[in-house]
Amino acid sequence: MNYKDYYQVLGVPKTAAAKDIKSAYRKLARKWHPDANPTKAKEAEEKFKEISEAYEVLGDAEKRSKYDALGSDWSHAAQQAEAQRRYRSAQEPAGSSPFGNAAFSNDAGPSGFSDFFDLFFSGVGRRGAGGASQPFARRGGDLETSIDITLRDAFAGGAKPVTLQIEDNCPNCNGTGLIGDQICPVCHGTGRLIQTKKFDITIPKGVRDGQRIRLAGQGNRGSGGGQPGDLYLVVHVLTDARFERKEDDLYADLPVSIYELVLGGEVRVPTMTGDVTMTIPQNTQNNKMLRLAGKGMPKSKAAGAGNLYVRLIGMLPTSLDARERALFEELASIRNDKVAS
């Protein structure tokens, strides 16, 4: 990011009166307006934007005051902003901590001017009629990050404490970058800081992977009396070692003996609320799926719950003594005789 000498762009001295700045801007704007330069439209467009940016700052008393106060300290502010940018880039992959190392995105778009302008002046006032400075009541930007929760958290729902790091407006200068007519020593004029905040959030029962939880008013502070933005938490449900989730249904594998498959019987099945008894019918095939109604995930947008589907995995004996082997051989012989007949 390069420093912008707005006085040089408009061709006026730093001591120029407001009327002289306005006069210089109008003269240059007429000269470089794209409509007046059809043969060099691209060059004119860039020049016109540069002139407009310079006047956006120098033609506004509040912005000009901040620009003059910056002086050589602009480089410190740029370093501060670069550190924040590196922080955001480093935090983009979700961290291993269930609610830590969060990456945020701000929906406040760029001004269309240079990075230098966006860094220092995009949230500082606006010109009214006649170039007078008016309060810039702007809603704070929305923030978004992902949070990791377990499947059991998603099943049970309820309150959850969360500690997150958020890039927010500097509380020392309320995001303006100025304290009086001096550059804020805390944020070095950027108007933003990375802060640690604690929240008590409510996880809805049955929340799905990718669903967003909105915390109203917990985003960036507004400027000029504007309302704060919102904080959106994108839920990432971690993989569970026992259950696989498909929408509101759960799936689980249950090892059973071949005797239980052939003869039937009752087995204990784990669910999200504890073990329950399930009956296996006689002559059940290996990999047969049985359904336990209402033992899945709570439905987040309706009453009731999904189902739990239990896949029966037949386990063969790994070693046989002489009598067991003889019995299996006898069973095989009986089965073969039936097939032959």
C-alpha atoms as a PDB file:
ATOM      1  CA  MET A   1       0.000   0.000   0.000  1.00  0.00           C
ATOM      2  CA  ASN A   2       1.386   3.400  -1.016  1.00  0.00           C
ATOM      3  CA  TYR A   3       0.923   6.750   0.674  1.00  0.00           C
ATOM      4  CA  LYS A   4      -1.452   9.103  -1.156  1.00  0.00           C
ATOM      5  CA  ASP A   5      -0.427  12.763  -1.349  1.00  0.00           C
ATOM      6  CA  TYR A   6      -3.872  14.242  -1.895  1.00  0.00           C
ATOM      7  CA  TYR A   7      -2.608  17.824  -1.923  1.00  0.00           C
ATOM      8  CA  GLN A   8      -0.292  16.968  -4.779  1.00  0.00           C
ATOM      9  CA  VAL A   9      -3.093  15.210  -6.671  1.00  0.00           C
ATOM     10  CA  LEU A  10      -5.219  18.374  -6.568  1.00  0.00           C
ATOM     11  CA  GLY A  11      -2.231  20.654  -7.028  1.00  0.00           C
ATOM     12  CA  VAL A  12      -2.879  22.770  -3.934  1.00  0.00           C
ATOM     13  CA  PRO A  13      -0.686  23.600  -0.920  1.00  0.00           C
ATOM     14  CA  LYS A  14      -1.403  22.154   2.521  1.00  0.00           C
ATOM     15  CA  THR A  15      -2.516  25.596   3.648  1.00  0.00           C
ATOM     16  CA  ALA A  16      -5.160  25.864   0.901  1.00  0.00           C
ATOM     17  CA  ALA A  17      -8.580  27.128   1.922  1.00  0.00           C
ATOM     18  CA  ALA A  18     -11.627  24.925   1.451  1.00  0.00           C
ATOM     19  CA  LYS A  19     -12.889  27.050  -1.476  1.00  0.00           C
ATOM     20  CA  ASP A  20      -9.532  26.711  -3.251  1.00  0.00           C
ATOM     21  CA  ILE A  21      -9.584  22.918  -2.828  1.00  0.00           C
ATOM     22  CA  LYS A  22     -13.110  22.800  -4.225  1.00  0.00           C
ATOM     23  CA  SER A  23     -12.139  25.027  -7.171  1.00  0.00           C
ATOM     24  CA  ALA A  24      -9.093  22.873  -7.983  1.00  0.00           C
ATOM     25  CA  TYR A  25     -11.204  19.724  -7.845  1.00  0.00           C
ATOM     26  CA  ARG A  26     -13.845  21.086 -10.219  1.00  0.00           C
ATOM     27  CA  LYS A  27     -11.224  22.206 -12.714  1.00  0.00           C
ATOM     28  CA  LEU A  28      -9.457  18.836 -12.711  1.00  0.00           C
ATOM     29  CA  ALA A  29     -12.720  16.876 -12.746  1.00  0.00           C
ATOM     30  CA  ARG A  30     -13.846  18.690 -15.895  1.00  0.00           C
ATOM     31  CA  LYS A  31     -10.472  18.086 -17.522  1.00  0.00           C
ATOM     32  CA  TRP A  32     -10.294  14.371 -16.719  1.00  0.00           C
ATOM     33  CA  HIS A  33     -13.919  13.316 -16.884  1.00  0.00           C
ATOM     34  CA  PRO A  34     -14.090  10.094 -18.984  1.00  0.00           C
ATOM     35  CA  ASP A  35     -16.821  11.589 -21.200  1.00  0.00           C
ATOM     36  CA  ALA A  36     -14.441  14.396 -22.130  1.00  0.00           C
ATOM     37  CA  ASN A  37     -11.636  11.982 -23.031  1.00  0.00           C
ATOM     38  CA  PRO A  38     -13.077   9.339 -25.366  1.00  0.00           C
ATOM     39  CA  THR A  39      -9.698   8.573 -26.959  1.00  0.00           C
ATOM     40  CA  LYS A  40      -8.007   7.821 -23.634  1.00  0.00           C
ATOM     41  CA  ALA A  41     -10.936   6.645 -21.544  1.00  0.00           C
ATOM     42  CA  LYS A  42      -8.952   4.219 -19.358  1.00  0.00           C
ATOM     43  CA  GLU A  43      -6.356   6.815 -18.358  1.00  0.00           C
ATOM     44  CA  ALA A  44      -9.067   9.399 -17.755  1.00  0.00           C
ATOM     45  CA  GLU A  45     -11.090   6.989 -15.619  1.00  0.00           C
ATOM     46  CA  GLU A  46      -8.122   6.270 -13.346  1.00  0.00           C
ATOM     47  CA  LYS A  47      -7.198   9.936 -13.100  1.00  0.00           C
ATOM     48  CA  PHE A  48     -10.781  10.971 -12.408  1.00  0.00           C
ATOM     49  CA  LYS A  49     -11.041   8.371  -9.635  1.00  0.00           C
ATOM     50  CA  GLU A  50      -7.778   9.602  -8.100  1.00  0.00           C
ATOM     51  CA  ILE A  51      -9.020  13.210  -8.169  1.00  0.00           C
ATOM     52  CA  SER A  52     -12.361  12.196  -6.655  1.00  0.00           C
ATOM     53  CA  GLU A  53     -10.598  10.285  -3.874  1.00  0.00           C
ATOM     54  CA  ALA A  54      -8.402  13.263  -3.058  1.00  0.00           C
ATOM     55  CA  TYR A  55     -11.400  15.571  -2.866  1.00  0.00           C
ATOM     56  CA  GLU A  56     -13.371  13.031  -0.815  1.00  0.00           C
ATOM     57  CA  VAL A  57     -10.686  13.486   1.860  1.00  0.00           C
ATOM     58  CA  LEU A  58      -9.579  17.115   1.510  1.00  0.00           C
ATOM     59  CA  GLY A  59     -13.085  18.393   0.814  1.00  0.00           C
ATOM     60  CA  ASP A  60     -14.355  17.003   4.118  1.00  0.00           C
ATOM     61  CA  ALA A  61     -13.208  18.828   7.250  1.00  0.00           C
ATOM     62  CA  GLU A  62     -13.139  15.713   9.419  1.00  0.00           C
ATOM     63  CA  LYS A  63     -11.287  13.583   6.890  1.00  0.00           C
ATOM     64  CA  ARG A  64      -8.829  16.393   6.131  1.00  0.00           C
ATOM     65  CA  SER A  65      -8.139  16.825   9.846  1.00  0.00           C
ATOM     66  CA  LYS A  66      -7.351  13.130  10.173  1.00  0.00           C
ATOM     67  CA  TYR A  67      -5.223  13.160   7.015  1.00  0.00           C
ATOM     68  CA  ASP A  68      -3.178  16.101   8.297  1.00  0.00           C
ATOM     69  CA  ALA A  69      -2.800  14.447  11.711  1.00  0.00           C
ATOM     70  CA  LEU A  70      -1.525  11.226  10.192  1.00  0.00           C
ATOM     71  CA  GLY A  71       1.699  12.699   8.904  1.00  0.00           C
ATOM     72  CA  SER A  72       4.540  10.226   9.174  1.00  0.00           C
ATOM     73  CA  ASP A  73       2.458   8.013  11.494  1.00  0.00           C
ATOM     74  CA  TRP A  74       0.591   6.609   8.495  1.00  0.00           C
ATOM     75  CA  SER A  75       3.269   3.934   8.157  1.00  0.00           C
ATOM     76  CA  HIS A  76       2.662   2.727  11.726  1.00  0.00           C
ATOM     77  CA  ALA A  77      -1.024   2.457  10.958  1.00  0.00           C
ATOM     78  CA  ALA A  78      -0.258   0.544   7.778  1.00  0.00           C
ATOM     79  CA  GLN A  79       1.882  -1.884   9.781  1.00  0.00           C
ATOM     80  CA  GLN A  80      -0.970  -2.335  12.245  1.00  0.00           C
ATOM     81  CA  ALA A  81      -3.373  -3.074   9.387  1.00  0.00           C
ATOM     82  CA  GLU A  82      -0.930  -5.487   7.774  1.00  0.00           C
ATOM     83  CA  ALA A  83      -0.591  -7.355  11.083  1.00  0.00           C
ATOM     84  CA  GLN A  84      -4.371  -7.667  11.225  1.00  0.00           C
ATOM     85  CA  ARG A  85      -4.465  -8.903   7.624  1.00  0.00           C
ATOM     86  CA  ARG A  86      -1.829 -11.545   8.379  1.00  0.00           C
ATOM     87  CA  TYR A  87      -3.800 -12.585  11.459  1.00  0.00           C
ATOM     88  CA  ARG A  88      -6.972 -13.080   9.416  1.00  0.00           C
ATOM     89  CA  SER A  89      -5.101 -15.021   6.735  1.00  0.00           C
ATOM     90  CA  ALA A  90      -3.440 -17.263   9.312  1.00  0.00           C
ATOM     91  CA  GLN A  91      -6.768 -17.959  11.016  1.00  0.00           C
ATOM     92  CA  GLU A  92      -8.748 -18.931   7.922  1.00  0.00           C
ATOM     93  CA  PRO A  93      -8.428 -22.713   8.414  1.00  0.00           C
ATOM     94  CA  ALA A  94     -10.625 -23.754  11.338  1.00  0.00           C
ATOM     95  CA  GLY A  95      -8.541 -24.481  14.404  1.00  0.00           C
ATOM     96  CA  SER A  96      -8.417 -27.724  16.302  1.00  0.00           C
ATOM     97  CA  SER A  97      -9.949 -26.186  19.422  1.00  0.00           C
ATOM     98  CA  PRO A  98     -13.745 -26.584  19.394  1.00  0.00           C
ATOM     99  CA  PHE A  99     -14.358 -22.835  19.542  1.00  0.00           C
ATOM    100  CA  GLY A 100     -10.901 -21.336  18.974  1.00  0.00           C
ATOM    101  CA  ASN A 101      -8.818 -19.938  16.162  1.00  0.00           C
ATOM    102  CA  ALA A 102     -11.853 -18.524  14.400  1.00  0.00           C
ATOM    103  CA  ALA A 103     -11.668 -16.720  11.080  1.00  0.00           C
ATOM    104  CA  PHE A 104     -14.023 -13.819  10.444  1.00  0.00           C
ATOM    105  CA  SER A 105     -15.241 -12.128   7.331  1.00  0.00           C
ATOM    106  CA  ASN A 106     -16.668  -8.600   7.289  1.00  0.00           C
ATOM    107  CA  ASP A 107     -19.443  -7.756   4.854  1.00  0.00           C
ATOM    108  CA  ALA A 108     -18.426  -4.095   4.655  1.00  0.00           C
ATOM    109  CA  GLY A 109     -17.222  -3.736   1.084  1.00  0.00           C
ATOM    110  CA  PRO A 110     -14.429  -1.510  -0.212  1.00  0.00           C
ATOM    111  CA  SER A 111     -15.140   2.100  -1.135  1.00  0.00           C
ATOM    112  CA  GLY A 112     -13.995   1.759  -4.716  1.00  0.00           C
ATOM    113  CA  PHE A 113     -11.040   4.032  -3.943  1.00  0.00           C
ATOM    114  CA  SER A 114      -7.498   2.974  -3.000  1.00  0.00           C
ATOM    115  CA  ASP A 115      -6.480   0.678  -0.145  1.00  0.00           C
ATOM    116  CA  PHE A 116      -4.999   3.758   1.543  1.00  0.00           C
ATOM    117  CA  PHE A 117      -8.427   5.422   1.545  1.00  0.00           C
ATOM    118  CA  ASP A 118     -10.225   2.286   2.737  1.00  0.00           C
ATOM    119  CA  LEU A 119      -7.767   1.864   5.588  1.00  0.00           C
ATOM    120  CA  PHE A 120      -8.045   5.373   7.021  1.00  0.00           C
ATOM    121  CA  PHE A 121     -11.135   7.154   5.702  1.00  0.00           C
ATOM    122  CA  SER A 122     -13.917   4.789   4.598  1.00  0.00           C
ATOM    123  CA  GLY A 123     -15.674   5.174   7.960  1.00  0.00           C
ATOM    124  CA  VAL A 124     -14.950   8.852   8.678  1.00  0.00           C
ATOM    125  CA  GLY A 125     -17.864  11.175   8.038  1.00  0.00           C
ATOM    126  CA  ARG A 126     -19.292  12.215   4.687  1.00  0.00           C
ATOM    127  CA  ARG A 127     -19.776  15.514   2.912  1.00  0.00           C
ATOM    128  CA  GLY A 128     -23.168  17.109   2.881  1.00  0.00           C
ATOM    129  CA  ALA A 129     -24.451  19.979   0.794  1.00  0.00           C
ATOM    130  CA  GLY A 130     -21.784  22.632   0.343  1.00  0.00           C
ATOM    131  CA  GLY A 131     -19.049  20.267   1.533  1.00  0.00           C
ATOM    132  CA  ALA A 132     -19.996  20.523   5.241  1.00  0.00           C
ATOM    133  CA  SER A 133     -19.083  17.551   7.374  1.00  0.00           C
ATOM    134  CA  GLN A 134     -22.009  15.430   8.554  1.00  0.00           C
ATOM    135  CA  PRO A 135     -22.104  12.460  10.911  1.00  0.00           C
ATOM    136  CA  PHE A 136     -21.722   9.210   8.997  1.00  0.00           C
ATOM    137  CA  ALA A 137     -24.234   6.891  10.666  1.00  0.00           C
ATOM    138  CA  ARG A 138     -23.153   3.512   9.352  1.00  0.00           C
ATOM    139  CA  ARG A 139     -24.234   0.112  10.553  1.00  0.00           C
ATOM    140  CA  GLY A 140     -21.388  -2.049  11.769  1.00  0.00           C
ATOM    141  CA  GLY A 141     -20.250  -4.890   9.554  1.00  0.00           C
ATOM    142  CA  ASP A 142     -21.550  -8.410  10.078  1.00  0.00           C
ATOM    143  CA  LEU A 143     -19.005 -11.001  11.159  1.00  0.00           C
ATOM    144  CA  GLU A 144     -18.981 -14.683  10.339  1.00  0.00           C
ATOM    145  CA  THR A 145     -16.944 -17.592  11.653  1.00  0.00           C
ATOM    146  CA  SER A 146     -17.242 -21.344  12.010  1.00  0.00           C
ATOM    147  CA  ILE A 147     -17.492 -23.228  15.291  1.00  0.00           C
ATOM    148  CA  ASP A 148     -16.918 -26.924  15.903  1.00  0.00           C
ATOM    149  CA  ILE A 149     -19.382 -28.901  18.011  1.00  0.00           C
ATOM    150  CA  THR A 150     -19.760 -32.610  18.725  1.00  0.00           C
ATOM    151  CA  LEU A 151     -22.685 -34.683  17.524  1.00  0.00           C
ATOM    152  CA  ARG A 152     -23.814 -34.960  21.129  1.00  0.00           C
ATOM    153  CA  ASP A 153     -23.782 -31.142  21.412  1.00  0.00           C
ATOM    154  CA  ALA A 154     -25.977 -31.020  18.302  1.00  0.00           C
ATOM    155  CA  PHE A 155     -28.312 -33.654  19.787  1.00  0.00           C
ATOM    156  CA  ALA A 156     -28.698 -32.080  23.215  1.00  0.00           C
ATOM    157  CA  GLY A 157     -28.520 -28.395  22.271  1.00  0.00           C
ATOM    158  CA  GLY A 158     -28.418 -25.848  25.056  1.00  0.00           C
ATOM    159  CA  ALA A 159     -26.086 -23.152  26.331  1.00  0.00           C
ATOM    160  CA  LYS A 160     -22.437 -23.122  25.324  1.00  0.00           C
ATOM    161  CA  PRO A 161     -19.750 -20.619  26.365  1.00  0.00           C
ATOM    162  CA  VAL A 162     -17.630 -19.425  23.442  1.00  0.00           C
ATOM    163  CA  THR A 163     -14.440 -17.347  23.367  1.00  0.00           C
ATOM    164  CA  LEU A 164     -13.659 -15.796  19.994  1.00  0.00           C
ATOM    165  CA  GLN A 165     -11.224 -13.272  18.572  1.00  0.00           C
ATOM    166  CA  ILE A 166     -12.928 -10.530  16.582  1.00  0.00           C
ATOM    167  CA  GLU A 167     -11.613  -7.635  14.542  1.00  0.00           C
ATOM    168  CA  ASP A 168     -13.746  -4.755  15.782  1.00  0.00           C
ATOM    169  CA  ASN A 169     -13.769  -0.978  15.870  1.00  0.00           C
ATOM    170  CA  CYS A 170     -11.196   0.460  18.277  1.00  0.00           C
ATOM    171  CA  PRO A 171     -12.980   1.311  21.565  1.00  0.00           C
ATOM    172  CA  ASN A 172     -10.475   4.078  22.306  1.00  0.00           C
ATOM    173  CA  CYS A 173     -11.502   6.180  19.296  1.00  0.00           C
ATOM    174  CA  ASN A 174     -14.837   4.516  18.428  1.00  0.00           C
ATOM    175  CA  GLY A 175     -13.448   3.453  15.096  1.00  0.00           C
ATOM    176  CA  THR A 176     -12.608   6.944  13.829  1.00  0.00           C
ATOM    177  CA  GLY A 177      -8.827   6.625  14.216  1.00  0.00           C
ATOM    178  CA  LEU A 178      -8.719  10.038  15.924  1.00  0.00           C
ATOM    179  CA  ILE A 179      -8.669  11.293  19.502  1.00  0.00           C
ATOM    180  CA  GLY A 180      -9.466  14.954  19.131  1.00  0.00           C
ATOM    181  CA  ASP A 181      -7.151  16.086  16.345  1.00  0.00           C
ATOM    182  CA  GLN A 182      -4.523  13.438  17.107  1.00  0.00           C
ATOM    183  CA  ILE A 183      -4.065   9.951  15.717  1.00  0.00           C
ATOM    184  CA  CYS A 184      -5.358   7.312  18.123  1.00  0.00           C
ATOM    185  CA  PRO A 185      -2.310   5.770  19.848  1.00  0.00           C
ATOM    186  CA  VAL A 186      -4.075   2.419  20.342  1.00  0.00           C
ATOM    187  CA  CYS A 187      -4.992   1.571  16.734  1.00  0.00           C
ATOM    188  CA  HIS A 188      -2.555   3.991  15.038  1.00  0.00           C
ATOM    189  CA  GLY A 189      -5.348   5.528  13.003  1.00  0.00           C
ATOM    190  CA  THR A 190      -6.787   2.340  11.522  1.00  0.00           C
ATOM    191  CA  GLY A 191      -9.866   2.486  13.752  1.00  0.00           C
ATOM    192  CA  ARG A 192      -9.784  -1.307  14.223  1.00  0.00           C
ATOM    193  CA  LEU A 193      -8.345  -3.784  16.698  1.00  0.00           C
ATOM    194  CA  ILE A 194      -8.395  -7.540  17.207  1.00  0.00           C
ATOM    195  CA  GLN A 195     -10.158  -8.227  20.491  1.00  0.00           C
ATOM    196  CA  THR A 196     -11.059 -11.335  22.482  1.00  0.00           C
ATOM    197  CA  LYS A 197     -14.733 -11.613  23.379  1.00  0.00           C
ATOM    198  CA  LYS A 198     -16.759 -14.147  25.322  1.00  0.00           C
ATOM    199  CA  PHE A 199     -20.287 -15.165  24.374  1.00  0.00           C
ATOM    200  CA  ASP A 200     -22.928 -17.463  25.816  1.00  0.00           C
ATOM    201  CA  ILE A 201     -24.635 -19.001  22.807  1.00  0.00           C
ATOM    202  CA  THR A 202     -27.574 -21.379  22.565  1.00  0.00           C
ATOM    203  CA  ILE A 203     -27.110 -24.426  20.333  1.00  0.00           C
ATOM    204  CA  PRO A 204     -30.496 -25.409  18.848  1.00  0.00           C
ATOM    205  CA  LYS A 205     -31.376 -29.072  19.303  1.00  0.00           C
ATOM    206  CA  GLY A 206     -30.795 -30.991  16.097  1.00  0.00           C
ATOM    207  CA  VAL A 207     -28.662 -28.250  14.518  1.00  0.00           C
ATOM    208  CA  ARG A 208     -27.165 -29.441  11.233  1.00  0.00           C
ATOM    209  CA  ASP A 209     -23.722 -29.068   9.766  1.00  0.00           C
ATOM    210  CA  GLY A 210     -23.486 -25.747   7.915  1.00  0.00           C
ATOM    211  CA  GLN A 211     -26.407 -24.149   9.734  1.00  0.00           C
ATOM    212  CA  ARG A 212     -25.828 -20.571  10.932  1.00  0.00           C
ATOM    213  CA  ILE A 213     -26.517 -19.231  14.407  1.00  0.00           C
ATOM    214  CA  ARG A 214     -27.144 -15.473  14.515  1.00  0.00           C
ATOM    215  CA  LEU A 215     -26.068 -13.340  17.458  1.00  0.00           C
ATOM    216  CA  ALA A 216     -27.851 -10.054  16.881  1.00  0.00           C
ATOM    217  CA  GLY A 217     -25.822  -6.927  17.593  1.00  0.00           C
ATOM    218  CA  GLN A 218     -22.595  -8.816  18.299  1.00  0.00           C
ATOM    219  CA  GLY A 219     -20.781  -7.877  15.094  1.00  0.00           C
ATOM    220  CA  ASN A 220     -18.652  -4.793  14.492  1.00  0.00           C
ATOM    221  CA  ARG A 221     -19.642  -1.592  16.232  1.00  0.00           C
ATOM    222  CA  GLY A 222     -21.412   0.961  14.081  1.00  0.00           C
ATOM    223  CA  SER A 223     -19.922   4.378  13.411  1.00  0.00           C
ATOM    224  CA  GLY A 224     -21.530   7.775  13.723  1.00  0.00           C
ATOM    225  CA  GLY A 225     -24.289   6.376  15.915  1.00  0.00           C
ATOM    226  CA  GLY A 226     -25.043   3.478  13.571  1.00  0.00           C
ATOM    227  CA  GLN A 227     -26.276   0.124  14.876  1.00  0.00           C
ATOM    228  CA  PRO A 228     -23.798  -2.725  15.419  1.00  0.00           C
ATOM    229  CA  GLY A 229     -23.714  -5.581  12.953  1.00  0.00           C
ATOM    230  CA  ASP A 230     -24.528  -9.206  13.695  1.00  0.00           C
ATOM    231  CA  LEU A 231     -22.283 -12.173  14.395  1.00  0.00           C
ATOM    232  CA  TYR A 232     -22.992 -15.383  12.461  1.00  0.00           C
ATOM    233  CA  LEU A 233     -21.619 -18.702  13.663  1.00  0.00           C
ATOM    234  CA  VAL A 234     -21.492 -21.408  10.994  1.00  0.00           C
ATOM    235  CA  VAL A 235     -21.844 -24.769  12.736  1.00  0.00           C
ATOM    236  CA  HIS A 236     -19.463 -27.592  11.884  1.00  0.00           C
ATOM    237  CA  VAL A 237     -20.572 -30.880  13.473  1.00  0.00           C
ATOM    238  CA  LEU A 238     -17.551 -33.062  14.104  1.00  0.00           C
ATOM    239  CA  THR A 239     -17.444 -36.680  12.984  1.00  0.00           C
ATOM    240  CA  ASP A 240     -18.678 -39.093  15.631  1.00  0.00           C
ATOM    241  CA  ALA A 241     -16.881 -42.386  16.263  1.00  0.00           C
ATOM    242  CA  ARG A 242     -20.098 -44.372  16.719  1.00  0.00           C
ATOM    243  CA  PHE A 243     -22.849 -42.725  14.689  1.00  0.00           C
ATOM    244  CA  GLU A 244     -23.089 -41.456  11.115  1.00  0.00           C
ATOM    245  CA  ARG A 245     -25.620 -38.714  10.500  1.00  0.00           C
ATOM    246  CA  LYS A 246     -27.751 -38.243   7.380  1.00  0.00           C
ATOM    247  CA  GLU A 247     -30.083 -35.292   7.862  1.00  0.00           C
ATOM    248  CA  ASP A 248     -32.122 -36.227  10.963  1.00  0.00           C
ATOM    249  CA  ASP A 249     -31.371 -39.964  10.851  1.00  0.00           C
ATOM    250  CA  LEU A 250     -28.470 -41.773  12.485  1.00  0.00           C
ATOM    251  CA  TYR A 251     -26.706 -44.927  11.323  1.00  0.00           C
ATOM    252  CA  ALA A 252     -24.653 -47.329  13.412  1.00  0.00           C
ATOM    253  CA  ASP A 253     -22.988 -50.705  12.928  1.00  0.00           C
ATOM    254  CA  LEU A 254     -23.645 -53.370  15.561  1.00  0.00           C
ATOM    255  CA  PRO A 255     -21.467 -56.509  15.745  1.00  0.00           C
ATOM    256  CA  VAL A 256     -23.577 -59.601  16.533  1.00  0.00           C
ATOM    257  CA  SER A 257     -22.864 -63.318  16.539  1.00  0.00           C
ATOM    258  CA  ILE A 258     -23.990 -65.597  13.732  1.00  0.00           C
ATOM    259  CA  TYR A 259     -26.075 -67.433  16.296  1.00  0.00           C
ATOM    260  CA  GLU A 260     -28.083 -64.260  17.006  1.00  0.00           C
ATOM    261  CA  LEU A 261     -28.607 -63.797  13.276  1.00  0.00           C
ATOM    262  CA  VAL A 262     -29.778 -67.399  12.791  1.00  0.00           C
ATOM    263  CA  LEU A 263     -31.684 -67.983  16.002  1.00  0.00           C
ATOM    264  CA  GLY A 264     -32.810 -64.431  16.742  1.00  0.00           C
ATOM    265  CA  GLY A 265     -32.787 -62.836  20.151  1.00  0.00           C
ATOM    266  CA  GLU A 266     -32.441 -59.570  22.011  1.00  0.00           C
ATOM    267  CA  VAL A 267     -29.359 -57.337  21.853  1.00  0.00           C
ATOM    268  CA  ARG A 268     -28.366 -54.035  23.453  1.00  0.00           C
ATOM    269  CA  VAL A 269     -28.026 -51.109  21.039  1.00  0.00           C
ATOM    270  CA  PRO A 270     -26.337 -47.765  21.869  1.00  0.00           C
ATOM    271  CA  THR A 271     -28.372 -44.613  21.191  1.00  0.00           C
ATOM    272  CA  MET A 272     -27.745 -40.931  21.890  1.00  0.00           C
ATOM    273  CA  THR A 273     -29.651 -41.292  25.171  1.00  0.00           C
ATOM    274  CA  GLY A 274     -28.277 -44.649  26.314  1.00  0.00           C
ATOM    275  CA  ASP A 275     -28.544 -48.329  25.439  1.00  0.00           C
ATOM    276  CA  VAL A 276     -31.895 -49.842  24.470  1.00  0.00           C
ATOM    277  CA  THR A 277     -33.020 -53.419  23.774  1.00  0.00           C
ATOM    278  CA  MET A 278     -33.664 -54.447  20.166  1.00  0.00           C
ATOM    279  CA  THR A 279     -35.072 -57.774  18.934  1.00  0.00           C
ATOM    280  CA  ILE A 280     -33.354 -59.564  16.059  1.00  0.00           C
ATOM    281  CA  PRO A 281     -35.762 -61.795  14.107  1.00  0.00           C
ATOM    282  CA  GLN A 282     -34.770 -65.393  13.341  1.00  0.00           C
ATOM    283  CA  ASN A 283     -32.894 -66.058  10.108  1.00  0.00           C
ATOM    284  CA  THR A 284     -31.697 -62.458   9.710  1.00  0.00           C
ATOM    285  CA  GLN A 285     -29.166 -61.906   6.942  1.00  0.00           C
ATOM    286  CA  ASN A 286     -25.761 -60.372   7.548  1.00  0.00           C
ATOM    287  CA  ASN A 287     -25.700 -56.555   6.984  1.00  0.00           C
ATOM    288  CA  LYS A 288     -29.447 -56.370   7.515  1.00  0.00           C
ATOM    289  CA  MET A 289     -30.562 -52.856   8.527  1.00  0.00           C
ATOM    290  CA  LEU A 290     -33.065 -52.593  11.384  1.00  0.00           C
ATOM    291  CA  ARG A 291     -34.873 -49.379  12.301  1.00  0.00           C
ATOM    292  CA  LEU A 292     -35.380 -47.893  15.745  1.00  0.00           C
ATOM    293  CA  ALA A 293     -38.070 -45.233  15.253  1.00  0.00           C
ATOM    294  CA  GLY A 294     -37.514 -41.849  16.904  1.00  0.00           C
ATOM    295  CA  LYS A 295     -33.980 -42.653  18.105  1.00  0.00           C
ATOM    296  CA  GLY A 296     -32.239 -40.318  15.664  1.00  0.00           C
ATOM    297  CA  MET A 297     -31.551 -36.567  15.880  1.00  0.00           C
ATOM    298  CA  PRO A 298     -34.177 -34.078  17.062  1.00  0.00           C
ATOM    299  CA  LYS A 299     -35.807 -32.277  14.144  1.00  0.00           C
ATOM    300  CA  SER A 300     -34.731 -28.655  14.346  1.00  0.00           C
ATOM    301  CA  LYS A 301     -37.692 -27.274  12.392  1.00  0.00           C
ATOM    302  CA  ALA A 302     -40.422 -29.724  13.396  1.00  0.00           C
ATOM    303  CA  ALA A 303     -41.572 -31.887  16.270  1.00  0.00           C
ATOM    304  CA  GLY A 304     -40.212 -35.364  16.800  1.00  0.00           C
ATOM    305  CA  ALA A 305     -36.933 -36.964  15.854  1.00  0.00           C
ATOM    306  CA  GLY A 306     -35.368 -38.974  13.074  1.00  0.00           C
ATOM    307  CA  ASN A 307     -34.680 -42.701  13.198  1.00  0.00           C
ATOM    308  CA  LEU A 308     -31.682 -44.797  14.149  1.00  0.00           C
ATOM    309  CA  TYR A 309     -30.758 -47.443  11.556  1.00  0.00           C
ATOM    310  CA  VAL A 310     -28.712 -50.323  12.923  1.00  0.00           C
ATOM    311  CA  ARG A 311     -26.679 -52.436  10.512  1.00  0.00           C
ATOM    312  CA  LEU A 312     -26.106 -55.958  11.879  1.00  0.00           C
ATOM    313  CA  ILE A 313     -22.557 -57.152  11.281  1.00  0.00           C
ATOM    314  CA  GLY A 314     -22.274 -60.923  11.747  1.00  0.00           C
ATOM    315  CA  MET A 315     -19.084 -61.951  13.536  1.00  0.00           C
ATOM    316  CA  LEU A 316     -17.754 -65.444  12.763  1.00  0.00           C
ATOM    317  CA  PRO A 317     -15.993 -67.394  15.511  1.00  0.00           C
ATOM    318  CA  THR A 318     -12.229 -67.039  15.171  1.00  0.00           C
ATOM    319  CA  SER A 319     -11.317 -70.431  16.694  1.00  0.00           C
ATOM    320  CA  LEU A 320     -13.197 -73.718  17.029  1.00  0.00           C
ATOM    321  CA  ASP A 321     -12.547 -76.662  19.271  1.00  0.00           C
ATOM    322  CA  ALA A 322     -13.024 -80.223  17.982  1.00  0.00           C
ATOM    323  CA  ARG A 323     -16.660 -80.531  19.104  1.00  0.00           C
ATOM    324  CA  GLU A 324     -17.647 -77.136  17.641  1.00  0.00           C
ATOM    325  CA  ARG A 325     -16.006 -78.037  14.341  1.00  0.00           C
ATOM    326  CA  ALA A 326     -17.810 -81.381  14.265  1.00  0.00           C
ATOM    327  CA  LEU A 327     -21.146 -79.639  14.854  1.00  0.00           C
ATOM    328  CA  PHE A 328     -20.476 -77.156  12.033  1.00  0.00           C
ATOM    329  CA  GLU A 329     -19.580 -80.056   9.754  1.00  0.00           C
ATOM    330  CA  GLU A 330     -22.807 -81.809  10.705  1.00  0.00           C
ATOM    331  CA  LEU A 331     -24.819 -78.639   9.981  1.00  0.00           C
ATOM    332  CA  ALA A 332     -23.072 -78.277   6.616  1.00  0.00           C
ATOM    333  CA  SER A 333     -23.874 -81.880   5.754  1.00  0.00           C
ATOM    334  CA  ILE A 334     -27.552 -81.424   6.670  1.00  0.00           C
ATOM    335  CA  ARG A 335     -27.739 -78.229   4.591  1.00  0.00           C
ATOM    336  CA  ASN A 336     -26.062 -79.856   1.613  1.00  0.00           C
ATOM    337  CA  ASP A 337     -28.452 -82.829   1.775  1.00  0.00           C
ATOM    338  CA  LYS A 338     -31.437 -80.441   1.764  1.00  0.00           C
ATOM    339  CA  VAL A 339     -30.097 -78.559  -1.217  1.00  0.00           C
ATOM    340  CA  ALA A 340     -29.415 -81.806  -3.085  1.00  0.00           C
ATOM    341  CA  SER A 341     -32.913 -83.088  -2.473  1.00  0.00           C
END
